[in-house]
Every structure is written in C-alpha cells, then in structure tokens.
Amino acid sequence: MQGGYVVLAAEPMCICGIDVAAPPEARSAKTQTPAELFRAFDKQFTTEEWTCIKAAGSEAEQMQAFQRHWTLKEAFVKARGDGLGFDLGRVRFQTSAPLPSNSQSATAKVDGNPLLRWRFAIQMLGEQHVVSVALGPPEDVVDAWGVFKGTFQRPNLSLAELQDAFEAARPMFSILTISDVIPAEAREAYAAAGGDTL
C-alpha cells in the first residue's frame, strides 16, 4: 500500500508480482529529495538504469522514472518469492515508450541474461502512482522448502503455454473503494468500528 492504494493482481498460469509507488508527497514517511533518495538506492540500480532515470528531465520526471524502475524490481522479486533477498542491482530493466493507454512494457536482464520467459507491464493509477506487474514461469519460483511449488497444478509450462498466458486479454486496473469490497450488510458495522469506507 502506498498513497492510499492497495494493489492486487492474480494470474491463473504464471507467477505474478505487483508493486505500487506513490509520489513522495503522498507517503507518510519523511520525504527525501530526489538526490537523497538516489544516493540511498545507488546500489539497487544498474548504471544503465541510473542513466535512464537521470535523463528523464525535471526532478518530477526523474522521480517517476525512478518509481517505474523500482516498482518493476519489486514486482519481479515478489513474483519469484525471494523479495529483497535478491540483489536488485543484478536485474536491469529497460522500459518501452509510453503507450496511448498510459501504460508501458519493459524487458529485463539478470546478470546480463535476458529474461525471455517473463513479461512486465507498467501502468499509471491516477496522475502520479505507478504500478508494475511481473509475470513469469512457475519454475522460476524461489521456494526453499517446496511447499509453495507443491500447490501448483502446472509447475512447468511449455513456451507455447507461457506465450498463450502472456497474450491473454488483461483488463486495466479497476479502482474500488473499501465500500465496494465490503458486503453491504457489514458496512455499517465496519464504519462503527472506525473503518473508513471512502
């Protein structure tokens, strides 16, 4: 959750990761200048990514480029299951030109090797929130004990099956309020308990 958004994504065939980034002014934590933030995250991005981020233009445009790259990295490691245990400096993302739908795609390399069996999408929520989704093959899950992989009906997908999953129509994000997801009969009790239904 960032800036008032909670994002969820699901995929029946692929492993799936998602992340959202809010603009600095929408976060509850202490706001850092772009220069401070960039110094703090120096090792998390490749030289090529930093070049892309810093060439984006104004400070606001650089921050949005930073958010795009950061959410891609977060979505990737969430899909894999190793989270921040993965050295984020090992993965390099390259984003496409923005599409008319206010979305982009991206490609990735880990240790210089292209991730050909992965797909990455970036979408704006509102004016300033960036959401990235990563889809990959189930066999790329990091699962030390095999418990999670044991729940997969299809732990290995052929290239054709993976391609079909990637090409399946995907709706844009739907923005829902808390009221939209709480059953009507429970809304009054939720609000009485102090819950905000906006």
Protein backbone atom coordinates (compact mmCIF):
# COMPACT_ATOMS: atom_id res chain seq x y z
CA MET A 1 0.00 0.00 0.00
CA GLN A 2 1.24 3.43 -0.90
CA GLY A 3 -0.53 6.76 -1.08
CA GLY A 4 -3.96 5.32 -0.39
CA TYR A 5 -3.81 2.49 -2.94
CA VAL A 6 -3.66 -1.22 -2.24
CA VAL A 7 -2.97 -3.23 -5.39
CA LEU A 8 -3.79 -6.86 -6.09
CA ALA A 9 -3.10 -8.97 -9.15
CA ALA A 10 -3.74 -12.63 -9.91
CA GLU A 11 -2.83 -14.89 -12.80
CA PRO A 12 -4.00 -18.50 -13.29
CA MET A 13 -0.94 -19.84 -15.13
CA CYS A 14 2.08 -17.63 -14.38
CA ILE A 15 3.70 -16.48 -11.20
CA CYS A 16 2.70 -12.90 -10.60
CA GLY A 17 4.15 -9.99 -8.66
CA ILE A 18 2.86 -6.45 -8.27
CA ASP A 19 4.06 -3.21 -6.71
CA VAL A 20 2.76 0.36 -6.40
CA ALA A 21 4.72 3.55 -5.75
CA ALA A 22 3.23 6.84 -4.62
CA PRO A 23 4.75 10.25 -5.22
CA PRO A 24 6.88 11.45 -2.28
CA GLU A 25 4.26 13.92 -1.04
CA ALA A 26 1.65 11.13 -0.73
CA ARG A 27 3.81 8.96 1.54
CA SER A 28 3.59 9.09 5.31
CA ALA A 29 7.34 8.62 5.76
CA LYS A 30 9.81 11.50 5.79
CA THR A 31 10.14 12.90 2.29
CA GLN A 32 13.61 12.80 0.79
CA THR A 33 14.86 14.96 -2.04
CA PRO A 34 15.50 13.08 -5.27
CA ALA A 35 19.25 13.43 -4.69
CA GLU A 36 18.95 11.91 -1.18
CA LEU A 37 16.74 9.10 -2.44
CA PHE A 38 19.03 8.36 -5.37
CA ARG A 39 22.06 8.16 -3.03
CA ALA A 40 20.20 5.79 -0.70
CA PHE A 41 19.29 3.47 -3.60
CA ASP A 42 22.57 3.76 -5.51
CA LYS A 43 23.43 0.03 -5.48
CA GLN A 44 19.89 -1.11 -6.28
CA PHE A 45 20.04 0.11 -9.90
CA THR A 46 22.42 -0.58 -12.76
CA THR A 47 24.46 2.14 -14.45
CA GLU A 48 22.10 1.95 -17.47
CA GLU A 49 19.03 2.35 -15.25
CA TRP A 50 20.54 5.38 -13.49
CA THR A 51 21.31 6.90 -16.89
CA CYS A 52 17.67 6.43 -17.91
CA ILE A 53 16.33 7.81 -14.62
CA LYS A 54 18.56 10.90 -14.61
CA ALA A 55 17.89 11.61 -18.30
CA ALA A 56 14.12 11.71 -17.72
CA GLY A 57 14.06 15.51 -17.40
CA SER A 58 12.80 17.53 -14.44
CA GLU A 59 13.05 16.30 -10.83
CA ALA A 60 9.41 15.18 -11.01
CA GLU A 61 10.07 13.24 -14.24
CA GLN A 62 13.20 11.68 -12.71
CA MET A 63 11.16 10.61 -9.67
CA GLN A 64 8.56 9.00 -11.91
CA ALA A 65 11.30 7.17 -13.87
CA PHE A 66 12.76 6.04 -10.53
CA GLN A 67 9.31 4.78 -9.46
CA ARG A 68 8.85 2.86 -12.71
CA HIS A 69 12.17 1.08 -12.30
CA TRP A 70 11.70 0.47 -8.57
CA THR A 71 8.21 -0.99 -8.96
CA LEU A 72 9.46 -3.28 -11.73
CA LYS A 73 12.20 -4.62 -9.46
CA GLU A 74 9.78 -5.08 -6.55
CA ALA A 75 7.17 -6.82 -8.74
CA PHE A 76 9.87 -9.16 -10.11
CA VAL A 77 11.21 -10.28 -6.73
CA LYS A 78 7.69 -10.61 -5.31
CA ALA A 79 6.73 -12.90 -8.20
CA ARG A 80 9.86 -15.02 -7.67
CA GLY A 81 9.22 -15.20 -3.95
CA ASP A 82 12.64 -14.15 -2.69
CA GLY A 83 11.78 -10.49 -2.17
CA LEU A 84 14.60 -8.25 -1.05
CA GLY A 85 16.81 -11.31 -0.51
CA PHE A 86 17.55 -10.90 -4.23
CA ASP A 87 20.31 -8.39 -5.04
CA LEU A 88 18.28 -5.84 -7.01
CA GLY A 89 21.42 -4.50 -8.69
CA ARG A 90 21.60 -7.80 -10.63
CA VAL A 91 18.41 -7.10 -12.60
CA ARG A 92 18.31 -4.40 -15.25
CA PHE A 93 15.05 -3.13 -16.71
CA GLN A 94 14.54 -1.30 -19.95
CA THR A 95 11.16 0.37 -20.41
CA SER A 96 9.30 0.90 -23.67
CA ALA A 97 7.98 4.22 -24.86
CA PRO A 98 4.66 5.09 -23.16
CA LEU A 99 1.57 3.77 -24.91
CA PRO A 100 -1.61 5.80 -25.53
CA SER A 101 -3.29 3.83 -22.72
CA ASN A 102 -0.87 5.42 -20.23
CA SER A 103 0.93 2.09 -19.87
CA GLN A 104 4.33 0.71 -20.79
CA SER A 105 6.06 -2.61 -21.10
CA ALA A 106 9.57 -3.49 -20.05
CA THR A 107 12.22 -6.12 -20.62
CA ALA A 108 14.72 -7.38 -18.08
CA LYS A 109 18.13 -8.99 -17.83
CA VAL A 110 19.60 -10.72 -14.78
CA ASP A 111 23.40 -10.78 -14.72
CA GLY A 112 23.26 -9.75 -18.38
CA ASN A 113 21.00 -12.66 -19.40
CA PRO A 114 17.63 -11.71 -20.96
CA LEU A 115 14.53 -12.94 -19.14
CA LEU A 116 12.76 -14.19 -22.24
CA ARG A 117 10.09 -16.10 -20.31
CA TRP A 118 8.95 -13.03 -18.34
CA ARG A 119 6.62 -10.12 -19.13
CA PHE A 120 6.48 -6.78 -17.35
CA ALA A 121 3.84 -4.07 -17.53
CA ILE A 122 3.70 -0.59 -16.02
CA GLN A 123 0.54 1.43 -15.60
CA MET A 124 -0.29 4.76 -14.00
CA LEU A 125 -3.01 4.91 -11.37
CA GLY A 126 -4.30 8.42 -11.35
CA GLU A 127 -1.75 11.09 -12.18
CA GLN A 128 1.23 10.06 -10.06
CA HIS A 129 1.00 6.48 -8.77
CA VAL A 130 2.99 3.87 -10.68
CA VAL A 131 2.00 0.19 -10.69
CA SER A 132 4.11 -2.59 -12.17
CA VAL A 133 3.15 -6.21 -12.75
CA ALA A 134 5.58 -9.07 -13.41
CA LEU A 135 4.51 -12.39 -14.95
CA GLY A 136 6.90 -15.30 -15.17
CA PRO A 137 7.14 -19.08 -15.45
CA PRO A 138 6.21 -21.09 -12.33
CA GLU A 139 9.55 -22.90 -12.41
CA ASP A 140 11.31 -19.62 -11.52
CA VAL A 141 9.74 -19.50 -8.04
CA VAL A 142 12.26 -19.45 -5.21
CA ASP A 143 10.85 -21.92 -2.70
CA ALA A 144 13.39 -23.29 -0.23
CA TRP A 145 11.10 -25.97 1.19
CA GLY A 146 8.98 -26.74 -1.88
CA VAL A 147 5.76 -26.02 -0.04
CA PHE A 148 4.59 -23.21 -2.32
CA LYS A 149 5.56 -25.00 -5.53
CA GLY A 150 3.69 -28.03 -4.23
CA THR A 151 0.45 -26.08 -4.59
CA PHE A 152 0.93 -25.51 -8.34
CA GLN A 153 -1.27 -27.58 -10.64
CA ARG A 154 1.12 -26.76 -13.51
CA PRO A 155 4.64 -26.25 -12.07
CA ASN A 156 6.19 -26.19 -15.55
CA LEU A 157 4.79 -24.50 -18.63
CA SER A 158 5.86 -25.04 -22.20
CA LEU A 159 6.91 -21.96 -24.15
CA ALA A 160 3.61 -22.14 -26.09
CA GLU A 161 1.55 -22.27 -22.87
CA LEU A 162 3.51 -19.39 -21.42
CA GLN A 163 3.05 -17.37 -24.61
CA ASP A 164 -0.71 -18.05 -24.52
CA ALA A 165 -0.83 -16.82 -20.92
CA PHE A 166 1.12 -13.66 -21.85
CA GLU A 167 -1.17 -12.93 -24.80
CA ALA A 168 -4.42 -13.41 -22.86
CA ALA A 169 -6.51 -10.26 -22.66
CA ARG A 170 -5.87 -8.39 -19.43
CA PRO A 171 -8.19 -5.73 -18.10
CA MET A 172 -6.84 -2.42 -16.88
CA PHE A 173 -6.91 -1.97 -13.13
CA SER A 174 -10.28 -1.32 -11.55
CA ILE A 175 -10.27 1.26 -8.79
CA LEU A 176 -12.53 0.22 -5.92
CA THR A 177 -13.29 1.82 -2.59
CA ILE A 178 -13.50 -0.10 0.66
CA SER A 179 -17.28 0.12 0.34
CA ASP A 180 -17.04 -1.75 -2.96
CA VAL A 181 -15.41 -4.80 -1.35
CA ILE A 182 -17.21 -4.94 2.00
CA PRO A 183 -20.57 -6.74 1.83
CA ALA A 184 -23.45 -4.28 2.15
CA GLU A 185 -24.68 -5.91 5.35
CA ALA A 186 -21.26 -5.40 7.01
CA ARG A 187 -20.60 -1.76 6.04
CA GLU A 188 -22.43 -0.21 8.98
CA ALA A 189 -20.55 -2.39 11.50
CA TYR A 190 -17.27 -1.63 9.73
CA ALA A 191 -17.89 2.11 9.92
CA ALA A 192 -19.00 1.84 13.60
CA ALA A 193 -15.69 0.10 14.38
CA GLY A 194 -13.84 3.11 12.98
CA GLY A 195 -13.31 1.90 9.43
CA ASP A 196 -13.25 4.45 6.64
CA THR A 197 -15.46 3.36 3.74
CA LEU A 198 -14.34 6.03 1.27
